[in-house]
């Protein structure tokens, strides 16, 4: 019983996550993502 419950719960949560990600309006637009500055040496921004 516990095995079936844990499988159903985890698969249900994965389906919910996939559904919410696919519903995003900016999924098909290239210009929707904010541009990120390149990181310099040692991971510092703007260097």
Protein backbone atom coordinates (compact mmCIF):
# COMPACT_ATOMS: atom_id res chain seq x y z
CA UNK A 1 0.00 0.00 0.00
CA UNK A 2 2.76 2.44 0.93
CA UNK A 3 4.67 1.70 -2.27
CA UNK A 4 1.66 2.48 -4.44
CA UNK A 5 0.93 5.63 -2.46
CA UNK A 6 4.50 6.91 -2.75
CA UNK A 7 4.61 6.14 -6.48
CA UNK A 8 1.29 7.89 -7.07
CA UNK A 9 2.34 10.90 -5.00
CA UNK A 10 5.71 11.39 -6.68
CA UNK A 11 4.36 10.85 -10.20
CA UNK A 12 1.46 13.17 -9.50
CA UNK A 13 3.83 15.89 -8.33
CA UNK A 14 6.00 15.45 -11.42
CA UNK A 15 2.92 15.73 -13.65
CA UNK A 16 1.85 18.87 -11.81
CA UNK A 17 5.32 20.41 -12.23
CA UNK A 18 5.39 19.56 -15.95
CA UNK A 19 1.91 20.98 -16.43
CA UNK A 20 2.79 24.24 -14.68
CA UNK A 21 6.03 24.59 -16.65
CA UNK A 22 4.28 23.99 -19.98
CA UNK A 23 1.60 26.58 -19.18
CA UNK A 24 4.15 29.41 -18.92
CA UNK A 25 3.51 32.11 -21.53
CA UNK A 26 7.21 32.86 -22.02
CA UNK A 27 8.03 29.27 -22.99
CA UNK A 28 7.89 29.90 -26.75
CA UNK A 29 9.35 33.41 -26.83
CA UNK A 30 13.07 34.00 -27.24
CA UNK A 31 12.98 37.59 -26.00
CA UNK A 32 11.11 36.77 -22.78
CA UNK A 33 14.18 35.57 -20.88
CA UNK A 34 16.14 38.35 -19.17
CA UNK A 35 19.64 38.72 -20.46
CA UNK A 36 22.31 37.91 -17.94
CA UNK A 37 25.68 39.64 -17.86
CA UNK A 38 28.68 37.45 -18.44
CA UNK A 39 30.60 36.58 -15.34
CA UNK A 40 34.23 37.46 -15.14
CA UNK A 41 37.00 35.45 -13.68
CA UNK A 42 36.23 33.72 -10.37
CA UNK A 43 32.47 34.13 -10.86
CA UNK A 44 32.30 37.87 -10.21
CA UNK A 45 29.75 39.84 -12.20
CA UNK A 46 30.71 42.69 -14.45
CA UNK A 47 34.43 41.95 -14.46
